[in-house]
Amino acid sequence: MMPPVVAASRTYLRIGAAVYPVYGDDLRGWSPRPQDFGSVLATTPWVYGSIDELFFALVNLSTQAKGRPAARPAPVASLVSPRPRPSEG
């Protein structure tokens, strides 16, 4: 017997100029994918516990440069001064 299909409510999150549809509620969680709420027994890693968590996940994804890997930070100068060399004598 198939479990009943549960409809997910849809709302939108605006991040910069982009608008993302998100699905869910406070009881079942929030997801950018409507199929995550296809059945009562479905489990998926894409469901976030609150809409705030999903919002910040989308912010992190949208702030990464597109088409390029993330830039590496500049090397930090050493805080320890180098030891003086022993003089030859």
C-alpha atoms as a PDB file:
ATOM      1  CA  MET A   1       0.000   0.000   0.000  1.00  0.00           C
ATOM      2  CA  MET A   2       1.369   3.429  -0.943  1.00  0.00           C
ATOM      3  CA  PRO A   3       1.650   6.060   1.811  1.00  0.00           C
ATOM      4  CA  PRO A   4      -0.548   9.104   1.270  1.00  0.00           C
ATOM      5  CA  VAL A   5       0.923  11.984  -0.709  1.00  0.00           C
ATOM      6  CA  VAL A   6       1.350  15.081   1.398  1.00  0.00           C
ATOM      7  CA  ALA A   7       1.216  18.435  -0.335  1.00  0.00           C
ATOM      8  CA  ALA A   8       3.820  20.987   0.644  1.00  0.00           C
ATOM      9  CA  SER A   9       3.045  24.663   0.878  1.00  0.00           C
ATOM     10  CA  ARG A  10       5.166  26.977  -1.259  1.00  0.00           C
ATOM     11  CA  THR A  11       6.648  30.328  -0.410  1.00  0.00           C
ATOM     12  CA  TYR A  12       9.474  32.392  -1.878  1.00  0.00           C
ATOM     13  CA  LEU A  13      12.822  33.633  -0.564  1.00  0.00           C
ATOM     14  CA  ARG A  14      14.543  36.623  -2.171  1.00  0.00           C
ATOM     15  CA  ILE A  15      18.342  36.589  -2.074  1.00  0.00           C
ATOM     16  CA  GLY A  16      19.855  39.511  -3.933  1.00  0.00           C
ATOM     17  CA  ALA A  17      18.139  39.710  -7.317  1.00  0.00           C
ATOM     18  CA  ALA A  18      17.141  36.012  -7.328  1.00  0.00           C
ATOM     19  CA  VAL A  19      13.852  34.643  -6.031  1.00  0.00           C
ATOM     20  CA  TYR A  20      13.752  30.980  -4.968  1.00  0.00           C
ATOM     21  CA  PRO A  21      10.584  28.943  -4.418  1.00  0.00           C
ATOM     22  CA  VAL A  22      10.823  26.907  -1.208  1.00  0.00           C
ATOM     23  CA  TYR A  23       8.457  24.261   0.095  1.00  0.00           C
ATOM     24  CA  GLY A  24       7.431  22.973   3.486  1.00  0.00           C
ATOM     25  CA  ASP A  25       6.236  24.146   6.855  1.00  0.00           C
ATOM     26  CA  ASP A  26       7.508  24.489  10.419  1.00  0.00           C
ATOM     27  CA  LEU A  27       6.392  20.961  11.320  1.00  0.00           C
ATOM     28  CA  ARG A  28       8.039  18.974   8.466  1.00  0.00           C
ATOM     29  CA  GLY A  29      10.889  21.333   7.597  1.00  0.00           C
ATOM     30  CA  TRP A  30      11.803  23.352   4.505  1.00  0.00           C
ATOM     31  CA  SER A  31      13.319  22.377   1.167  1.00  0.00           C
ATOM     32  CA  PRO A  32      14.010  23.932  -2.231  1.00  0.00           C
ATOM     33  CA  ARG A  33      12.624  20.722  -3.807  1.00  0.00           C
ATOM     34  CA  PRO A  34       8.860  19.955  -3.761  1.00  0.00           C
ATOM     35  CA  GLN A  35       9.470  16.215  -4.269  1.00  0.00           C
ATOM     36  CA  ASP A  36      11.024  16.016  -0.790  1.00  0.00           C
ATOM     37  CA  PHE A  37       7.488  16.035   0.606  1.00  0.00           C
ATOM     38  CA  GLY A  38       6.042  13.315  -1.658  1.00  0.00           C
ATOM     39  CA  SER A  39       5.295  10.892   1.164  1.00  0.00           C
ATOM     40  CA  VAL A  40       5.072  10.843   4.913  1.00  0.00           C
ATOM     41  CA  LEU A  41       7.922   8.333   5.202  1.00  0.00           C
ATOM     42  CA  ALA A  42      10.330  10.079   2.820  1.00  0.00           C
ATOM     43  CA  THR A  43      13.679  11.125   4.225  1.00  0.00           C
ATOM     44  CA  THR A  44      16.046  13.386   2.348  1.00  0.00           C
ATOM     45  CA  PRO A  45      19.164  15.399   3.198  1.00  0.00           C
ATOM     46  CA  TRP A  46      17.697  18.476   1.493  1.00  0.00           C
ATOM     47  CA  VAL A  47      15.129  19.259   4.212  1.00  0.00           C
ATOM     48  CA  TYR A  48      16.189  21.977   6.648  1.00  0.00           C
ATOM     49  CA  GLY A  49      14.773  22.289  10.152  1.00  0.00           C
ATOM     50  CA  SER A  50      13.767  25.930   9.796  1.00  0.00           C
ATOM     51  CA  ILE A  51      13.290  28.439   7.032  1.00  0.00           C
ATOM     52  CA  ASP A  52      16.212  30.419   8.490  1.00  0.00           C
ATOM     53  CA  GLU A  53      18.587  27.478   7.914  1.00  0.00           C
ATOM     54  CA  LEU A  54      17.421  27.148   4.317  1.00  0.00           C
ATOM     55  CA  PHE A  55      17.772  30.904   3.790  1.00  0.00           C
ATOM     56  CA  PHE A  56      21.400  30.921   4.948  1.00  0.00           C
ATOM     57  CA  ALA A  57      22.213  27.810   2.884  1.00  0.00           C
ATOM     58  CA  LEU A  58      20.910  29.621  -0.215  1.00  0.00           C
ATOM     59  CA  VAL A  59      22.845  32.782   0.726  1.00  0.00           C
ATOM     60  CA  ASN A  60      26.067  30.757   0.993  1.00  0.00           C
ATOM     61  CA  LEU A  61      25.451  29.169  -2.397  1.00  0.00           C
ATOM     62  CA  SER A  62      24.648  32.475  -4.074  1.00  0.00           C
ATOM     63  CA  THR A  63      27.699  34.340  -2.734  1.00  0.00           C
ATOM     64  CA  GLN A  64      30.219  31.905  -4.247  1.00  0.00           C
ATOM     65  CA  ALA A  65      31.702  33.061  -7.555  1.00  0.00           C
ATOM     66  CA  LYS A  66      30.169  31.296 -10.544  1.00  0.00           C
ATOM     67  CA  GLY A  67      32.364  29.321 -12.886  1.00  0.00           C
ATOM     68  CA  ARG A  68      35.481  29.678 -10.764  1.00  0.00           C
ATOM     69  CA  PRO A  69      36.678  27.875  -7.671  1.00  0.00           C
ATOM     70  CA  ALA A  70      36.708  29.924  -4.504  1.00  0.00           C
ATOM     71  CA  ALA A  71      39.795  32.115  -4.220  1.00  0.00           C
ATOM     72  CA  ARG A  72      42.383  31.074  -1.688  1.00  0.00           C
ATOM     73  CA  PRO A  73      43.118  33.610   1.022  1.00  0.00           C
ATOM     74  CA  ALA A  74      46.471  35.380   0.877  1.00  0.00           C
ATOM     75  CA  PRO A  75      49.154  33.691   2.984  1.00  0.00           C
ATOM     76  CA  VAL A  76      49.492  35.048   6.478  1.00  0.00           C
ATOM     77  CA  ALA A  77      52.914  36.436   7.418  1.00  0.00           C
ATOM     78  CA  SER A  78      54.650  34.479  10.107  1.00  0.00           C
ATOM     79  CA  LEU A  79      54.275  35.915  13.576  1.00  0.00           C
ATOM     80  CA  VAL A  80      57.571  34.414  14.706  1.00  0.00           C
ATOM     81  CA  SER A  81      60.713  36.150  13.578  1.00  0.00           C
ATOM     82  CA  PRO A  82      63.279  33.858  11.973  1.00  0.00           C
ATOM     83  CA  ARG A  83      66.204  32.748  14.103  1.00  0.00           C
ATOM     84  CA  PRO A  84      69.492  34.483  13.407  1.00  0.00           C
ATOM     85  CA  ARG A  85      72.101  32.328  11.734  1.00  0.00           C
ATOM     86  CA  PRO A  86      75.128  31.453  13.807  1.00  0.00           C
ATOM     87  CA  SER A  87      78.107  33.427  12.643  1.00  0.00           C
ATOM     88  CA  GLU A  88      81.053  31.531  11.234  1.00  0.00           C
ATOM     89  CA  GLY A  89      84.095  32.152  13.137  1.00  0.00           C
END
